[in-house]
Amino acid sequence: MTAPDTNLKKQKKRHKGPLIGMAVAVTVAVVFLFWMLSQNMVTDTPEQDQVTPPQTDETVGPPAEGSVSGPDDTGAPQMMEPEPVPEPAD
């Protein structure tokens, strides 16, 4: 089966508008893509934005011998007193 009316000049005229519209849409999309990529590639940041994290003098490790820590811990070491040794009965 073939098309009954194949007038190529008429078909060119009818398809001209949609083809131009598609070409403009693709051009806009490509320009927008390059603009987005150029915005993401910028890595220069001002000096004031680069903040170093504050340094703490805390040391992490096992607690010192004889220290007790709990929910009321203020950070100061607390000494545990040894229990008195019972004297032997004679």
PDB file of N, CA and C in Angstrom:
ATOM      1  N   MET A   1       0.840  -1.175   0.000  1.00  0.00           N
ATOM      2  CA  MET A   1       0.000   0.000   0.000  1.00  0.00           C
ATOM      3  C   MET A   1       0.889   1.244   0.000  1.00  0.00           C
ATOM      4  N   THR A   2       0.551   2.152  -0.833  1.00  0.00           N
ATOM      5  CA  THR A   2       1.289   3.396  -0.921  1.00  0.00           C
ATOM      6  C   THR A   2       0.353   4.546  -0.578  1.00  0.00           C
ATOM      7  N   ALA A   3       0.959   5.646  -0.222  1.00  0.00           N
ATOM      8  CA  ALA A   3       0.158   6.820   0.107  1.00  0.00           C
ATOM      9  C   ALA A   3      -0.549   7.320  -1.153  1.00  0.00           C
ATOM     10  N   PRO A   4      -1.814   7.711  -1.031  1.00  0.00           N
ATOM     11  CA  PRO A   4      -2.532   8.114  -2.232  1.00  0.00           C
ATOM     12  C   PRO A   4      -2.027   9.435  -2.828  1.00  0.00           C
ATOM     13  N   ASP A   5      -1.602  10.393  -1.976  1.00  0.00           N
ATOM     14  CA  ASP A   5      -1.173  11.675  -2.506  1.00  0.00           C
ATOM     15  C   ASP A   5       0.236  11.960  -1.991  1.00  0.00           C
ATOM     16  N   THR A   6       1.233  11.845  -2.843  1.00  0.00           N
ATOM     17  CA  THR A   6       2.620  12.066  -2.425  1.00  0.00           C
ATOM     18  C   THR A   6       3.168  13.315  -3.090  1.00  0.00           C
ATOM     19  N   ASN A   7       2.719  14.444  -2.640  1.00  0.00           N
ATOM     20  CA  ASN A   7       3.194  15.717  -3.145  1.00  0.00           C
ATOM     21  C   ASN A   7       4.319  16.178  -2.215  1.00  0.00           C
ATOM     22  N   LEU A   8       5.585  16.001  -2.602  1.00  0.00           N
ATOM     23  CA  LEU A   8       6.725  16.282  -1.739  1.00  0.00           C
ATOM     24  C   LEU A   8       6.850  17.765  -1.422  1.00  0.00           C
ATOM     25  N   LYS A   9       6.509  18.630  -2.342  1.00  0.00           N
ATOM     26  CA  LYS A   9       6.618  20.072  -2.088  1.00  0.00           C
ATOM     27  C   LYS A   9       5.645  20.491  -0.985  1.00  0.00           C
ATOM     28  N   LYS A  10       4.446  19.927  -1.006  1.00  0.00           N
ATOM     29  CA  LYS A  10       3.443  20.248   0.005  1.00  0.00           C
ATOM     30  C   LYS A  10       3.871  19.702   1.378  1.00  0.00           C
ATOM     31  N   GLN A  11       4.439  18.514   1.403  1.00  0.00           N
ATOM     32  CA  GLN A  11       4.874  17.907   2.659  1.00  0.00           C
ATOM     33  C   GLN A  11       6.051  18.688   3.271  1.00  0.00           C
ATOM     34  N   LYS A  12       6.966  19.181   2.433  1.00  0.00           N
ATOM     35  CA  LYS A  12       8.073  20.003   2.939  1.00  0.00           C
ATOM     36  C   LYS A  12       7.530  21.244   3.620  1.00  0.00           C
ATOM     37  N   LYS A  13       6.546  21.874   2.997  1.00  0.00           N
ATOM     38  CA  LYS A  13       5.967  23.095   3.543  1.00  0.00           C
ATOM     39  C   LYS A  13       5.284  22.809   4.881  1.00  0.00           C
ATOM     40  N   ARG A  14       4.570  21.697   4.993  1.00  0.00           N
ATOM     41  CA  ARG A  14       3.852  21.360   6.228  1.00  0.00           C
ATOM     42  C   ARG A  14       4.800  20.963   7.374  1.00  0.00           C
ATOM     43  N   HIS A  15       5.912  20.374   7.074  1.00  0.00           N
ATOM     44  CA  HIS A  15       6.829  19.894   8.118  1.00  0.00           C
ATOM     45  C   HIS A  15       7.888  20.924   8.510  1.00  0.00           C
ATOM     46  N   LYS A  16       7.943  22.037   7.816  1.00  0.00           N
ATOM     47  CA  LYS A  16       8.987  23.027   8.067  1.00  0.00           C
ATOM     48  C   LYS A  16       8.901  23.589   9.488  1.00  0.00           C
ATOM     49  N   GLY A  17       7.736  23.983   9.954  1.00  0.00           N
ATOM     50  CA  GLY A  17       7.549  24.566  11.285  1.00  0.00           C
ATOM     51  C   GLY A  17       7.942  23.614  12.417  1.00  0.00           C
ATOM     52  N   PRO A  18       7.401  22.389  12.433  1.00  0.00           N
ATOM     53  CA  PRO A  18       7.774  21.456  13.507  1.00  0.00           C
ATOM     54  C   PRO A  18       9.271  21.110  13.515  1.00  0.00           C
ATOM     55  N   LEU A  19       9.883  20.999  12.324  1.00  0.00           N
ATOM     56  CA  LEU A  19      11.311  20.694  12.281  1.00  0.00           C
ATOM     57  C   LEU A  19      12.141  21.847  12.847  1.00  0.00           C
ATOM     58  N   ILE A  20      11.756  23.088  12.537  1.00  0.00           N
ATOM     59  CA  ILE A  20      12.469  24.245  13.085  1.00  0.00           C
ATOM     60  C   ILE A  20      12.280  24.283  14.606  1.00  0.00           C
ATOM     61  N   GLY A  21      11.068  24.003  15.081  1.00  0.00           N
ATOM     62  CA  GLY A  21      10.788  23.982  16.513  1.00  0.00           C
ATOM     63  C   GLY A  21      11.627  22.950  17.247  1.00  0.00           C
ATOM     64  N   MET A  22      11.764  21.767  16.667  1.00  0.00           N
ATOM     65  CA  MET A  22      12.590  20.718  17.297  1.00  0.00           C
ATOM     66  C   MET A  22      14.061  21.120  17.320  1.00  0.00           C
ATOM     67  N   ALA A  23      14.536  21.762  16.261  1.00  0.00           N
ATOM     68  CA  ALA A  23      15.934  22.197  16.217  1.00  0.00           C
ATOM     69  C   ALA A  23      16.196  23.279  17.278  1.00  0.00           C
ATOM     70  N   VAL A  24      15.253  24.199  17.451  1.00  0.00           N
ATOM     71  CA  VAL A  24      15.405  25.240  18.468  1.00  0.00           C
ATOM     72  C   VAL A  24      15.400  24.611  19.864  1.00  0.00           C
ATOM     73  N   ALA A  25      14.521  23.656  20.110  1.00  0.00           N
ATOM     74  CA  ALA A  25      14.450  23.004  21.422  1.00  0.00           C
ATOM     75  C   ALA A  25      15.747  22.263  21.742  1.00  0.00           C
ATOM     76  N   VAL A  26      16.301  21.565  20.786  1.00  0.00           N
ATOM     77  CA  VAL A  26      17.558  20.842  21.005  1.00  0.00           C
ATOM     78  C   VAL A  26      18.693  21.835  21.253  1.00  0.00           C
ATOM     79  N   THR A  27      18.714  22.938  20.520  1.00  0.00           N
ATOM     80  CA  THR A  27      19.761  23.949  20.717  1.00  0.00           C
ATOM     81  C   THR A  27      19.674  24.555  22.117  1.00  0.00           C
ATOM     82  N   VAL A  28      18.486  24.882  22.569  1.00  0.00           N
ATOM     83  CA  VAL A  28      18.304  25.440  23.910  1.00  0.00           C
ATOM     84  C   VAL A  28      18.752  24.425  24.964  1.00  0.00           C
ATOM     85  N   ALA A  29      18.407  23.153  24.782  1.00  0.00           N
ATOM     86  CA  ALA A  29      18.792  22.124  25.748  1.00  0.00           C
ATOM     87  C   ALA A  29      20.310  21.962  25.810  1.00  0.00           C
ATOM     88  N   VAL A  30      20.987  22.006  24.676  1.00  0.00           N
ATOM     89  CA  VAL A  30      22.448  21.868  24.656  1.00  0.00           C
ATOM     90  C   VAL A  30      23.110  23.074  25.311  1.00  0.00           C
ATOM     91  N   VAL A  31      22.608  24.269  25.027  1.00  0.00           N
ATOM     92  CA  VAL A  31      23.166  25.475  25.660  1.00  0.00           C
ATOM     93  C   VAL A  31      22.972  25.410  27.169  1.00  0.00           C
ATOM     94  N   PHE A  32      21.791  25.007  27.631  1.00  0.00           N
ATOM     95  CA  PHE A  32      21.514  24.885  29.065  1.00  0.00           C
ATOM     96  C   PHE A  32      22.419  23.832  29.700  1.00  0.00           C
ATOM     97  N   LEU A  33      22.666  22.735  29.028  1.00  0.00           N
ATOM     98  CA  LEU A  33      23.551  21.686  29.542  1.00  0.00           C
ATOM     99  C   LEU A  33      24.974  22.211  29.723  1.00  0.00           C
ATOM    100  N   PHE A  34      25.488  22.916  28.731  1.00  0.00           N
ATOM    101  CA  PHE A  34      26.842  23.471  28.852  1.00  0.00           C
ATOM    102  C   PHE A  34      26.914  24.524  29.957  1.00  0.00           C
ATOM    103  N   TRP A  35      25.853  25.319  30.117  1.00  0.00           N
ATOM    104  CA  TRP A  35      25.832  26.312  31.185  1.00  0.00           C
ATOM    105  C   TRP A  35      25.859  25.635  32.557  1.00  0.00           C
ATOM    106  N   MET A  36      25.065  24.570  32.729  1.00  0.00           N
ATOM    107  CA  MET A  36      25.052  23.850  34.007  1.00  0.00           C
ATOM    108  C   MET A  36      26.413  23.225  34.297  1.00  0.00           C
ATOM    109  N   LEU A  37      27.033  22.629  33.302  1.00  0.00           N
ATOM    110  CA  LEU A  37      28.342  22.007  33.503  1.00  0.00           C
ATOM    111  C   LEU A  37      29.391  23.058  33.859  1.00  0.00           C
ATOM    112  N   SER A  38      29.321  24.218  33.230  1.00  0.00           N
ATOM    113  CA  SER A  38      30.304  25.255  33.543  1.00  0.00           C
ATOM    114  C   SER A  38      30.103  25.784  34.957  1.00  0.00           C
ATOM    115  N   GLN A  39      28.874  25.844  35.439  1.00  0.00           N
ATOM    116  CA  GLN A  39      28.615  26.294  36.804  1.00  0.00           C
ATOM    117  C   GLN A  39      29.109  25.274  37.827  1.00  0.00           C
ATOM    118  N   ASN A  40      29.024  24.001  37.513  1.00  0.00           N
ATOM    119  CA  ASN A  40      29.466  22.949  38.437  1.00  0.00           C
ATOM    120  C   ASN A  40      30.979  22.782  38.442  1.00  0.00           C
ATOM    121  N   MET A  41      31.642  23.208  37.393  1.00  0.00           N
ATOM    122  CA  MET A  41      33.090  23.038  37.308  1.00  0.00           C
ATOM    123  C   MET A  41      33.845  24.096  38.100  1.00  0.00           C
ATOM    124  N   VAL A  42      33.192  25.171  38.483  1.00  0.00           N
ATOM    125  CA  VAL A  42      33.846  26.236  39.222  1.00  0.00           C
ATOM    126  C   VAL A  42      34.169  25.723  40.618  1.00  0.00           C
ATOM    127  N   THR A  43      35.466  25.703  40.960  1.00  0.00           N
ATOM    128  CA  THR A  43      35.872  25.193  42.266  1.00  0.00           C
ATOM    129  C   THR A  43      36.502  26.277  43.122  1.00  0.00           C
ATOM    130  N   ASP A  44      36.603  27.504  42.622  1.00  0.00           N
ATOM    131  CA  ASP A  44      37.182  28.584  43.407  1.00  0.00           C
ATOM    132  C   ASP A  44      36.198  29.004  44.484  1.00  0.00           C
ATOM    133  N   THR A  45      36.644  28.929  45.741  1.00  0.00           N
ATOM    134  CA  THR A  45      35.815  29.381  46.846  1.00  0.00           C
ATOM    135  C   THR A  45      36.562  30.480  47.574  1.00  0.00           C
ATOM    136  N   PRO A  46      35.860  31.462  48.092  1.00  0.00           N
ATOM    137  CA  PRO A  46      36.532  32.538  48.819  1.00  0.00           C
ATOM    138  C   PRO A  46      37.238  32.007  50.062  1.00  0.00           C
ATOM    139  N   GLU A  47      38.275  32.714  50.480  1.00  0.00           N
ATOM    140  CA  GLU A  47      39.054  32.294  51.646  1.00  0.00           C
ATOM    141  C   GLU A  47      38.211  32.243  52.910  1.00  0.00           C
ATOM    142  N   GLN A  48      37.257  33.134  53.042  1.00  0.00           N
ATOM    143  CA  GLN A  48      36.482  33.198  54.260  1.00  0.00           C
ATOM    144  C   GLN A  48      35.537  32.009  54.403  1.00  0.00           C
ATOM    145  N   ASP A  49      35.206  31.338  53.317  1.00  0.00           N
ATOM    146  CA  ASP A  49      34.322  30.187  53.403  1.00  0.00           C
ATOM    147  C   ASP A  49      35.047  28.928  53.880  1.00  0.00           C
ATOM    148  N   GLN A  50      36.358  28.893  53.774  1.00  0.00           N
ATOM    149  CA  GLN A  50      37.111  27.716  54.169  1.00  0.00           C
ATOM    150  C   GLN A  50      37.453  27.829  55.650  1.00  0.00           C
ATOM    151  N   VAL A  51      36.620  27.207  56.467  1.00  0.00           N
ATOM    152  CA  VAL A  51      36.795  27.273  57.913  1.00  0.00           C
ATOM    153  C   VAL A  51      37.406  25.955  58.379  1.00  0.00           C
ATOM    154  N   THR A  52      38.474  26.062  59.166  1.00  0.00           N
ATOM    155  CA  THR A  52      39.078  24.850  59.713  1.00  0.00           C
ATOM    156  C   THR A  52      38.322  24.460  60.966  1.00  0.00           C
ATOM    157  N   PRO A  53      38.154  23.184  61.200  1.00  0.00           N
ATOM    158  CA  PRO A  53      37.425  22.757  62.392  1.00  0.00           C
ATOM    159  C   PRO A  53      38.224  23.101  63.652  1.00  0.00           C
ATOM    160  N   PRO A  54      37.529  23.457  64.730  1.00  0.00           N
ATOM    161  CA  PRO A  54      38.247  23.800  65.958  1.00  0.00           C
ATOM    162  C   PRO A  54      38.969  22.584  66.522  1.00  0.00           C
ATOM    163  N   GLN A  55      40.169  22.813  67.030  1.00  0.00           N
ATOM    164  CA  GLN A  55      40.947  21.720  67.597  1.00  0.00           C
ATOM    165  C   GLN A  55      40.669  21.651  69.091  1.00  0.00           C
ATOM    166  N   THR A  56      40.520  20.441  69.564  1.00  0.00           N
ATOM    167  CA  THR A  56      40.279  20.235  70.986  1.00  0.00           C
ATOM    168  C   THR A  56      41.496  19.551  71.586  1.00  0.00           C
ATOM    169  N   ASP A  57      41.697  19.780  72.867  1.00  0.00           N
ATOM    170  CA  ASP A  57      42.832  19.180  73.554  1.00  0.00           C
ATOM    171  C   ASP A  57      42.450  17.865  74.231  1.00  0.00           C
ATOM    172  N   GLU A  58      41.341  17.295  73.815  1.00  0.00           N
ATOM    173  CA  GLU A  58      40.910  16.032  74.407  1.00  0.00           C
ATOM    174  C   GLU A  58      41.765  14.890  73.877  1.00  0.00           C
ATOM    175  N   THR A  59      42.079  13.977  74.765  1.00  0.00           N
ATOM    176  CA  THR A  59      42.754  12.761  74.345  1.00  0.00           C
ATOM    177  C   THR A  59      41.781  11.617  74.514  1.00  0.00           C
ATOM    178  N   VAL A  60      41.796  10.730  73.574  1.00  0.00           N
ATOM    179  CA  VAL A  60      40.895   9.597  73.622  1.00  0.00           C
ATOM    180  C   VAL A  60      41.719   8.364  73.952  1.00  0.00           C
ATOM    181  N   GLY A  61      41.252   7.614  74.904  1.00  0.00           N
ATOM    182  CA  GLY A  61      41.957   6.405  75.283  1.00  0.00           C
ATOM    183  C   GLY A  61      41.348   5.827  76.546  1.00  0.00           C
ATOM    184  N   PRO A  62      41.990   4.825  77.106  1.00  0.00           N
ATOM    185  CA  PRO A  62      41.440   4.223  78.326  1.00  0.00           C
ATOM    186  C   PRO A  62      41.555   5.216  79.486  1.00  0.00           C
ATOM    187  N   PRO A  63      40.637   5.150  80.435  1.00  0.00           N
ATOM    188  CA  PRO A  63      40.704   6.075  81.567  1.00  0.00           C
ATOM    189  C   PRO A  63      41.928   5.794  82.430  1.00  0.00           C
ATOM    190  N   ALA A  64      42.375   6.816  83.117  1.00  0.00           N
ATOM    191  CA  ALA A  64      43.530   6.672  83.989  1.00  0.00           C
ATOM    192  C   ALA A  64      43.179   5.712  85.129  1.00  0.00           C
ATOM    193  N   GLU A  65      44.193   5.063  85.670  1.00  0.00           N
ATOM    194  CA  GLU A  65      43.967   4.086  86.727  1.00  0.00           C
ATOM    195  C   GLU A  65      43.408   4.796  87.949  1.00  0.00           C
ATOM    196  N   GLY A  66      42.311   4.252  88.487  1.00  0.00           N
ATOM    197  CA  GLY A  66      41.714   4.809  89.677  1.00  0.00           C
ATOM    198  C   GLY A  66      40.700   5.894  89.390  1.00  0.00           C
ATOM    199  N   SER A  67      40.442   6.176  88.159  1.00  0.00           N
ATOM    200  CA  SER A  67      39.455   7.213  87.873  1.00  0.00           C
ATOM    201  C   SER A  67      38.098   6.577  87.634  1.00  0.00           C
ATOM    202  N   VAL A  68      37.067   7.331  87.931  1.00  0.00           N
ATOM    203  CA  VAL A  68      35.699   6.864  87.766  1.00  0.00           C
ATOM    204  C   VAL A  68      34.990   7.876  86.882  1.00  0.00           C
ATOM    205  N   SER A  69      34.270   7.387  85.933  1.00  0.00           N
ATOM    206  CA  SER A  69      33.497   8.306  85.106  1.00  0.00           C
ATOM    207  C   SER A  69      32.053   7.852  85.123  1.00  0.00           C
ATOM    208  N   GLY A  70      31.173   8.777  85.094  1.00  0.00           N
ATOM    209  CA  GLY A  70      29.752   8.480  85.123  1.00  0.00           C
ATOM    210  C   GLY A  70      28.974   9.614  84.513  1.00  0.00           C
ATOM    211  N   PRO A  71      27.645   9.614  84.740  1.00  0.00           N
ATOM    212  CA  PRO A  71      26.834  10.664  84.134  1.00  0.00           C
ATOM    213  C   PRO A  71      27.123  12.046  84.709  1.00  0.00           C
ATOM    214  N   ASP A  72      27.646  12.120  85.936  1.00  0.00           N
ATOM    215  CA  ASP A  72      27.962  13.410  86.546  1.00  0.00           C
ATOM    216  C   ASP A  72      29.414  13.792  86.330  1.00  0.00           C
ATOM    217  N   ASP A  73      30.059  13.133  85.391  1.00  0.00           N
ATOM    218  CA  ASP A  73      31.482  13.355  85.174  1.00  0.00           C
ATOM    219  C   ASP A  73      31.729  14.780  84.693  1.00  0.00           C
ATOM    220  N   THR A  74      32.618  15.480  85.376  1.00  0.00           N
ATOM    221  CA  THR A  74      32.954  16.846  84.985  1.00  0.00           C
ATOM    222  C   THR A  74      34.237  16.891  84.182  1.00  0.00           C
ATOM    223  N   GLY A  75      34.847  15.758  83.996  1.00  0.00           N
ATOM    224  CA  GLY A  75      36.085  15.724  83.247  1.00  0.00           C
ATOM    225  C   GLY A  75      37.287  15.624  84.164  1.00  0.00           C
ATOM    226  N   ALA A  76      37.111  15.968  85.442  1.00  0.00           N
ATOM    227  CA  ALA A  76      38.218  15.875  86.395  1.00  0.00           C
ATOM    228  C   ALA A  76      38.320  14.438  86.898  1.00  0.00           C
ATOM    229  N   PRO A  77      39.544  13.908  87.032  1.00  0.00           N
ATOM    230  CA  PRO A  77      39.668  12.529  87.522  1.00  0.00           C
ATOM    231  C   PRO A  77      39.224  12.438  88.976  1.00  0.00           C
ATOM    232  N   GLN A  78      38.530  11.372  89.272  1.00  0.00           N
ATOM    233  CA  GLN A  78      38.082  11.118  90.643  1.00  0.00           C
ATOM    234  C   GLN A  78      38.806   9.884  91.142  1.00  0.00           C
ATOM    235  N   MET A  79      39.364   9.959  92.326  1.00  0.00           N
ATOM    236  CA  MET A  79      40.152   8.858  92.881  1.00  0.00           C
ATOM    237  C   MET A  79      39.250   7.974  93.735  1.00  0.00           C
ATOM    238  N   MET A  80      39.398   6.671  93.554  1.00  0.00           N
ATOM    239  CA  MET A  80      38.683   5.715  94.389  1.00  0.00           C
ATOM    240  C   MET A  80      39.596   5.342  95.551  1.00  0.00           C
ATOM    241  N   GLU A  81      39.036   5.365  96.747  1.00  0.00           N
ATOM    242  CA  GLU A  81      39.831   4.977  97.909  1.00  0.00           C
ATOM    243  C   GLU A  81      39.778   3.468  98.034  1.00  0.00           C
ATOM    244  N   PRO A  82      40.932   2.845  98.320  1.00  0.00           N
ATOM    245  CA  PRO A  82      40.929   1.390  98.459  1.00  0.00           C
ATOM    246  C   PRO A  82      40.178   0.986  99.735  1.00  0.00           C
ATOM    247  N   GLU A  83      39.562  -0.189  99.664  1.00  0.00           N
ATOM    248  CA  GLU A  83      38.840  -0.703 100.844  1.00  0.00           C
ATOM    249  C   GLU A  83      39.855  -1.137 101.905  1.00  0.00           C
ATOM    250  N   PRO A  84      39.550  -0.888 103.182  1.00  0.00           N
ATOM    251  CA  PRO A  84      40.479  -1.327 104.221  1.00  0.00           C
ATOM    252  C   PRO A  84      40.528  -2.855 104.310  1.00  0.00           C
ATOM    253  N   VAL A  85      41.697  -3.372 104.550  1.00  0.00           N
ATOM    254  CA  VAL A  85      41.887  -4.809 104.655  1.00  0.00           C
ATOM    255  C   VAL A  85      41.494  -5.234 106.064  1.00  0.00           C
ATOM    256  N   PRO A  86      40.607  -6.223 106.185  1.00  0.00           N
ATOM    257  CA  PRO A  86      40.218  -6.664 107.542  1.00  0.00           C
ATOM    258  C   PRO A  86      41.412  -7.330 108.250  1.00  0.00           C
ATOM    259  N   GLU A  87      41.516  -7.043 109.547  1.00  0.00           N
ATOM    260  CA  GLU A  87      42.597  -7.638 110.327  1.00  0.00           C
ATOM    261  C   GLU A  87      42.217  -9.059 110.710  1.00  0.00           C
ATOM    262  N   PRO A  88      43.204  -9.960 110.719  1.00  0.00           N
ATOM    263  CA  PRO A  88      42.875 -11.351 111.081  1.00  0.00           C
ATOM    264  C   PRO A  88      42.493 -11.457 112.563  1.00  0.00           C
ATOM    265  N   ALA A  89      41.500 -12.247 112.845  1.00  0.00           N
ATOM    266  CA  ALA A  89      41.052 -12.452 114.227  1.00  0.00           C
ATOM    267  C   ALA A  89      41.949 -13.498 114.900  1.00  0.00           C
ATOM    268  N   ASP A  90      42.375 -13.238 116.183  1.00  0.00           N
ATOM    269  CA  ASP A  90      43.239 -14.187 116.903  1.00  0.00           C
ATOM    270  C   ASP A  90      42.461 -15.126 117.738  1.00  0.00           C
TER     271      ASP A  90
END
